Amino acid sequence: NFLQDKYALLPAVIIICVAVVMFI
């Protein structure tokens, strides 16, 4: 409710993508 912006989850998605890239 505080983070109404649609990009609020973008940092978490980026972190997961970085994790996949780091593994590779």
PDB file of all heavy atoms in Angstrom:
ATOM      1  N   ASN A   1       0.818  -1.209   0.000  1.00  0.00           N
ATOM      2  CA  ASN A   1       0.000   0.000   0.000  1.00  0.00           C
ATOM      3  C   ASN A   1       0.854   1.263   0.000  1.00  0.00           C
ATOM      4  O   ASN A   1       0.423   2.313  -0.443  1.00  0.00           O
ATOM      5  CB  ASN A   1      -0.921   0.030   1.219  1.00  0.00           C
ATOM      6  CG  ASN A   1      -2.049  -0.963   1.075  1.00  0.00           C
ATOM      7  OD1 ASN A   1      -2.371  -1.380  -0.027  1.00  0.00           O
ATOM      8  ND2 ASN A   1      -2.641  -1.340   2.183  1.00  0.00           N
ATOM      9  N   PHE A   2       2.071   1.173   0.529  1.00  0.00           N
ATOM     10  CA  PHE A   2       2.966   2.321   0.536  1.00  0.00           C
ATOM     11  C   PHE A   2       3.729   2.434  -0.769  1.00  0.00           C
ATOM     12  O   PHE A   2       4.172   3.499  -1.132  1.00  0.00           O
ATOM     13  CB  PHE A   2       3.981   2.218   1.675  1.00  0.00           C
ATOM     14  CG  PHE A   2       3.369   2.447   3.011  1.00  0.00           C
ATOM     15  CD1 PHE A   2       3.306   1.434   3.932  1.00  0.00           C
ATOM     16  CD2 PHE A   2       2.847   3.677   3.335  1.00  0.00           C
ATOM     17  CE1 PHE A   2       2.740   1.641   5.165  1.00  0.00           C
ATOM     18  CE2 PHE A   2       2.272   3.902   4.572  1.00  0.00           C
ATOM     19  CZ  PHE A   2       2.228   2.875   5.483  1.00  0.00           C
ATOM     20  N   LEU A   3       3.913   1.343  -1.456  1.00  0.00           N
ATOM     21  CA  LEU A   3       4.714   1.331  -2.672  1.00  0.00           C
ATOM     22  C   LEU A   3       3.803   1.086  -3.862  1.00  0.00           C
ATOM     23  O   LEU A   3       3.754   0.008  -4.416  1.00  0.00           O
ATOM     24  CB  LEU A   3       5.793   0.242  -2.575  1.00  0.00           C
ATOM     25  CG  LEU A   3       6.713   0.370  -1.367  1.00  0.00           C
ATOM     26  CD1 LEU A   3       7.578  -0.856  -1.239  1.00  0.00           C
ATOM     27  CD2 LEU A   3       7.556   1.621  -1.473  1.00  0.00           C
ATOM     28  N   GLN A   4       3.055   2.109  -4.241  1.00  0.00           N
ATOM     29  CA  GLN A   4       2.073   1.966  -5.304  1.00  0.00           C
ATOM     30  C   GLN A   4       2.698   2.006  -6.689  1.00  0.00           C
ATOM     31  O   GLN A   4       2.048   1.705  -7.667  1.00  0.00           O
ATOM     32  CB  GLN A   4       1.027   3.074  -5.166  1.00  0.00           C
ATOM     33  CG  GLN A   4       0.259   2.952  -3.878  1.00  0.00           C
ATOM     34  CD  GLN A   4      -0.605   4.162  -3.607  1.00  0.00           C
ATOM     35  OE1 GLN A   4      -0.512   5.168  -4.299  1.00  0.00           O
ATOM     36  NE2 GLN A   4      -1.434   4.070  -2.601  1.00  0.00           N
ATOM     37  N   ASP A   5       3.936   2.378  -6.766  1.00  0.00           N
ATOM     38  CA  ASP A   5       4.624   2.460  -8.045  1.00  0.00           C
ATOM     39  C   ASP A   5       4.816   1.051  -8.605  1.00  0.00           C
ATOM     40  O   ASP A   5       5.192   0.130  -7.884  1.00  0.00           O
ATOM     41  CB  ASP A   5       5.977   3.141  -7.862  1.00  0.00           C
ATOM     42  CG  ASP A   5       6.641   3.479  -9.183  1.00  0.00           C
ATOM     43  OD1 ASP A   5       6.029   3.245 -10.233  1.00  0.00           O
ATOM     44  OD2 ASP A   5       7.766   3.987  -9.150  1.00  0.00           O
ATOM     45  N   LYS A   6       4.587   0.887  -9.903  1.00  0.00           N
ATOM     46  CA  LYS A   6       4.709  -0.436 -10.506  1.00  0.00           C
ATOM     47  C   LYS A   6       6.155  -0.913 -10.564  1.00  0.00           C
ATOM     48  O   LYS A   6       6.411  -2.075 -10.789  1.00  0.00           O
ATOM     49  CB  LYS A   6       4.090  -0.444 -11.900  1.00  0.00           C
ATOM     50  CG  LYS A   6       4.747   0.513 -12.876  1.00  0.00           C
ATOM     51  CD  LYS A   6       4.044   0.490 -14.210  1.00  0.00           C
ATOM     52  CE  LYS A   6       4.656   1.509 -15.147  1.00  0.00           C
ATOM     53  NZ  LYS A   6       4.016   1.517 -16.434  1.00  0.00           N
ATOM     54  N   TYR A   7       7.101  -0.004 -10.344  1.00  0.00           N
ATOM     55  CA  TYR A   7       8.508  -0.377 -10.391  1.00  0.00           C
ATOM     56  C   TYR A   7       9.083  -0.687  -9.004  1.00  0.00           C
ATOM     57  O   TYR A   7      10.283  -0.838  -8.856  1.00  0.00           O
ATOM     58  CB  TYR A   7       9.337   0.740 -11.031  1.00  0.00           C
ATOM     59  CG  TYR A   7       8.918   1.023 -12.453  1.00  0.00           C
ATOM     60  CD1 TYR A   7       8.295   2.207 -12.781  1.00  0.00           C
ATOM     61  CD2 TYR A   7       9.134   0.084 -13.452  1.00  0.00           C
ATOM     62  CE1 TYR A   7       7.898   2.465 -14.089  1.00  0.00           C
ATOM     63  CE2 TYR A   7       8.743   0.335 -14.749  1.00  0.00           C
ATOM     64  CZ  TYR A   7       8.127   1.529 -15.061  1.00  0.00           C
ATOM     65  OH  TYR A   7       7.745   1.768 -16.337  1.00  0.00           O
ATOM     66  N   ALA A   8       8.242  -0.783  -7.999  1.00  0.00           N
ATOM     67  CA  ALA A   8       8.720  -0.990  -6.632  1.00  0.00           C
ATOM     68  C   ALA A   8       9.434  -2.331  -6.470  1.00  0.00           C
ATOM     69  O   ALA A   8      10.341  -2.456  -5.664  1.00  0.00           O
ATOM     70  CB  ALA A   8       7.557  -0.898  -5.651  1.00  0.00           C
ATOM     71  N   LEU A   9       9.037  -3.339  -7.235  1.00  0.00           N
ATOM     72  CA  LEU A   9       9.674  -4.653  -7.144  1.00  0.00           C
ATOM     73  C   LEU A   9      10.881  -4.786  -8.055  1.00  0.00           C
ATOM     74  O   LEU A   9      11.551  -5.816  -8.043  1.00  0.00           O
ATOM     75  CB  LEU A   9       8.672  -5.758  -7.475  1.00  0.00           C
ATOM     76  CG  LEU A   9       7.712  -6.113  -6.355  1.00  0.00           C
ATOM     77  CD1 LEU A   9       6.741  -7.185  -6.809  1.00  0.00           C
ATOM     78  CD2 LEU A   9       8.454  -6.564  -5.127  1.00  0.00           C
ATOM     79  N   LEU A  10      11.166  -3.770  -8.831  1.00  0.00           N
ATOM     80  CA  LEU A  10      12.284  -3.830  -9.772  1.00  0.00           C
ATOM     81  C   LEU A  10      13.617  -4.152  -9.098  1.00  0.00           C
ATOM     82  O   LEU A  10      14.358  -4.996  -9.609  1.00  0.00           O
ATOM     83  CB  LEU A  10      12.369  -2.528 -10.570  1.00  0.00           C
ATOM     84  CG  LEU A  10      13.346  -2.508 -11.729  1.00  0.00           C
ATOM     85  CD1 LEU A  10      12.984  -3.584 -12.742  1.00  0.00           C
ATOM     86  CD2 LEU A  10      13.357  -1.153 -12.399  1.00  0.00           C
ATOM     87  N   PRO A  11      13.959  -3.549  -7.944  1.00  0.00           N
ATOM     88  CA  PRO A  11      15.232  -3.920  -7.313  1.00  0.00           C
ATOM     89  C   PRO A  11      15.318  -5.401  -6.954  1.00  0.00           C
ATOM     90  O   PRO A  11      16.368  -6.021  -7.136  1.00  0.00           O
ATOM     91  CB  PRO A  11      15.273  -3.046  -6.054  1.00  0.00           C
ATOM     92  CG  PRO A  11      14.430  -1.879  -6.386  1.00  0.00           C
ATOM     93  CD  PRO A  11      13.339  -2.413  -7.262  1.00  0.00           C
ATOM     94  N   ALA A  12      14.231  -5.984  -6.481  1.00  0.00           N
ATOM     95  CA  ALA A  12      14.245  -7.405  -6.130  1.00  0.00           C
ATOM     96  C   ALA A  12      14.433  -8.277  -7.363  1.00  0.00           C
ATOM     97  O   ALA A  12      15.177  -9.265  -7.338  1.00  0.00           O
ATOM     98  CB  ALA A  12      12.955  -7.785  -5.407  1.00  0.00           C
ATOM     99  N   VAL A  13      13.781  -7.910  -8.459  1.00  0.00           N
ATOM    100  CA  VAL A  13      13.932  -8.674  -9.702  1.00  0.00           C
ATOM    101  C   VAL A  13      15.365  -8.540 -10.214  1.00  0.00           C
ATOM    102  O   VAL A  13      15.962  -9.522 -10.680  1.00  0.00           O
ATOM    103  CB  VAL A  13      12.906  -8.182 -10.758  1.00  0.00           C
ATOM    104  CG1 VAL A  13      13.166  -8.810 -12.109  1.00  0.00           C
ATOM    105  CG2 VAL A  13      11.491  -8.484 -10.288  1.00  0.00           C
ATOM    106  N   ILE A  14      15.921  -7.347 -10.118  1.00  0.00           N
ATOM    107  CA  ILE A  14      17.304  -7.137 -10.551  1.00  0.00           C
ATOM    108  C   ILE A  14      18.251  -7.984  -9.711  1.00  0.00           C
ATOM    109  O   ILE A  14      19.191  -8.585 -10.236  1.00  0.00           O
ATOM    110  CB  ILE A  14      17.678  -5.642 -10.498  1.00  0.00           C
ATOM    111  CG1 ILE A  14      16.932  -4.885 -11.597  1.00  0.00           C
ATOM    112  CG2 ILE A  14      19.178  -5.442 -10.634  1.00  0.00           C
ATOM    113  CD1 ILE A  14      17.077  -3.384 -11.526  1.00  0.00           C
ATOM    114  N   ILE A  15      18.017  -8.047  -8.404  1.00  0.00           N
ATOM    115  CA  ILE A  15      18.865  -8.853  -7.522  1.00  0.00           C
ATOM    116  C   ILE A  15      18.826 -10.317  -7.933  1.00  0.00           C
ATOM    117  O   ILE A  15      19.863 -10.983  -7.996  1.00  0.00           O
ATOM    118  CB  ILE A  15      18.441  -8.670  -6.052  1.00  0.00           C
ATOM    119  CG1 ILE A  15      18.844  -7.285  -5.564  1.00  0.00           C
ATOM    120  CG2 ILE A  15      19.053  -9.742  -5.162  1.00  0.00           C
ATOM    121  CD1 ILE A  15      18.307  -6.935  -4.195  1.00  0.00           C
ATOM    122  N   ILE A  16      17.656 -10.835  -8.245  1.00  0.00           N
ATOM    123  CA  ILE A  16      17.543 -12.240  -8.666  1.00  0.00           C
ATOM    124  C   ILE A  16      18.236 -12.455 -10.008  1.00  0.00           C
ATOM    125  O   ILE A  16      18.930 -13.459 -10.202  1.00  0.00           O
ATOM    126  CB  ILE A  16      16.065 -12.671  -8.700  1.00  0.00           C
ATOM    127  CG1 ILE A  16      15.516 -12.721  -7.263  1.00  0.00           C
ATOM    128  CG2 ILE A  16      15.903 -14.027  -9.377  1.00  0.00           C
ATOM    129  CD1 ILE A  16      14.032 -12.980  -7.159  1.00  0.00           C
ATOM    130  N   CYS A  17      18.079 -11.511 -10.934  1.00  0.00           N
ATOM    131  CA  CYS A  17      18.768 -11.626 -12.229  1.00  0.00           C
ATOM    132  C   CYS A  17      20.281 -11.594 -12.047  1.00  0.00           C
ATOM    133  O   CYS A  17      21.007 -12.355 -12.701  1.00  0.00           O
ATOM    134  CB  CYS A  17      18.319 -10.515 -13.166  1.00  0.00           C
ATOM    135  SG  CYS A  17      16.612 -10.670 -13.718  1.00  0.00           S
ATOM    136  N   VAL A  18      20.758 -10.726 -11.165  1.00  0.00           N
ATOM    137  CA  VAL A  18      22.194 -10.663 -10.896  1.00  0.00           C
ATOM    138  C   VAL A  18      22.670 -11.986 -10.309  1.00  0.00           C
ATOM    139  O   VAL A  18      23.763 -12.463 -10.638  1.00  0.00           O
ATOM    140  CB  VAL A  18      22.521  -9.473  -9.959  1.00  0.00           C
ATOM    141  CG1 VAL A  18      23.913  -9.577  -9.394  1.00  0.00           C
ATOM    142  CG2 VAL A  18      22.344  -8.160 -10.702  1.00  0.00           C
ATOM    143  N   ALA A  19      21.862 -12.599  -9.462  1.00  0.00           N
ATOM    144  CA  ALA A  19      22.229 -13.891  -8.876  1.00  0.00           C
ATOM    145  C   ALA A  19      22.388 -14.958  -9.961  1.00  0.00           C
ATOM    146  O   ALA A  19      23.340 -15.745  -9.938  1.00  0.00           O
ATOM    147  CB  ALA A  19      21.187 -14.324  -7.853  1.00  0.00           C
ATOM    148  N   VAL A  20      21.476 -14.978 -10.920  1.00  0.00           N
ATOM    149  CA  VAL A  20      21.566 -15.949 -12.016  1.00  0.00           C
ATOM    150  C   VAL A  20      22.820 -15.696 -12.846  1.00  0.00           C
ATOM    151  O   VAL A  20      23.566 -16.627 -13.178  1.00  0.00           O
ATOM    152  CB  VAL A  20      20.290 -15.891 -12.897  1.00  0.00           C
ATOM    153  CG1 VAL A  20      20.455 -16.694 -14.165  1.00  0.00           C
ATOM    154  CG2 VAL A  20      19.083 -16.376 -12.108  1.00  0.00           C
ATOM    155  N   VAL A  21      23.068 -14.416 -13.150  1.00  0.00           N
ATOM    156  CA  VAL A  21      24.254 -14.066 -13.938  1.00  0.00           C
ATOM    157  C   VAL A  21      25.530 -14.433 -13.176  1.00  0.00           C
ATOM    158  O   VAL A  21      26.486 -14.965 -13.753  1.00  0.00           O
ATOM    159  CB  VAL A  21      24.224 -12.572 -14.325  1.00  0.00           C
ATOM    160  CG1 VAL A  21      25.538 -12.119 -14.911  1.00  0.00           C
ATOM    161  CG2 VAL A  21      23.084 -12.302 -15.297  1.00  0.00           C
ATOM    162  N   MET A  22      25.542 -14.169 -11.868  1.00  0.00           N
ATOM    163  CA  MET A  22      26.712 -14.515 -11.062  1.00  0.00           C
ATOM    164  C   MET A  22      26.969 -16.021 -11.060  1.00  0.00           C
ATOM    165  O   MET A  22      28.127 -16.460 -11.116  1.00  0.00           O
ATOM    166  CB  MET A  22      26.535 -14.032  -9.616  1.00  0.00           C
ATOM    167  CG  MET A  22      26.798 -12.564  -9.436  1.00  0.00           C
ATOM    168  SD  MET A  22      26.632 -12.050  -7.725  1.00  0.00           S
ATOM    169  CE  MET A  22      27.934 -12.959  -6.938  1.00  0.00           C
ATOM    170  N   PHE A  23      25.910 -16.792 -11.020  1.00  0.00           N
ATOM    171  CA  PHE A  23      26.070 -18.241 -11.054  1.00  0.00           C
ATOM    172  C   PHE A  23      26.701 -18.677 -12.372  1.00  0.00           C
ATOM    173  O   PHE A  23      27.646 -19.474 -12.393  1.00  0.00           O
ATOM    174  CB  PHE A  23      24.717 -18.940 -10.853  1.00  0.00           C
ATOM    175  CG  PHE A  23      24.806 -20.423 -10.937  1.00  0.00           C
ATOM    176  CD1 PHE A  23      25.321 -21.158  -9.883  1.00  0.00           C
ATOM    177  CD2 PHE A  23      24.390 -21.091 -12.086  1.00  0.00           C
ATOM    178  CE1 PHE A  23      25.418 -22.541  -9.958  1.00  0.00           C
ATOM    179  CE2 PHE A  23      24.479 -22.470 -12.173  1.00  0.00           C
ATOM    180  CZ  PHE A  23      24.996 -23.199 -11.105  1.00  0.00           C
ATOM    181  N   ILE A  24      26.209 -18.118 -13.471  1.00  0.00           N
ATOM    182  CA  ILE A  24      26.748 -18.468 -14.798  1.00  0.00           C
ATOM    183  C   ILE A  24      28.201 -18.022 -14.919  1.00  0.00           C
ATOM    184  O   ILE A  24      29.061 -18.772 -15.409  1.00  0.00           O
ATOM    185  CB  ILE A  24      25.866 -17.857 -15.911  1.00  0.00           C
ATOM    186  CG1 ILE A  24      24.491 -18.528 -15.913  1.00  0.00           C
ATOM    187  CG2 ILE A  24      26.528 -17.986 -17.270  1.00  0.00           C
ATOM    188  CD1 ILE A  24      23.460 -17.842 -16.770  1.00  0.00           C
TER     189      ILE A  24
END
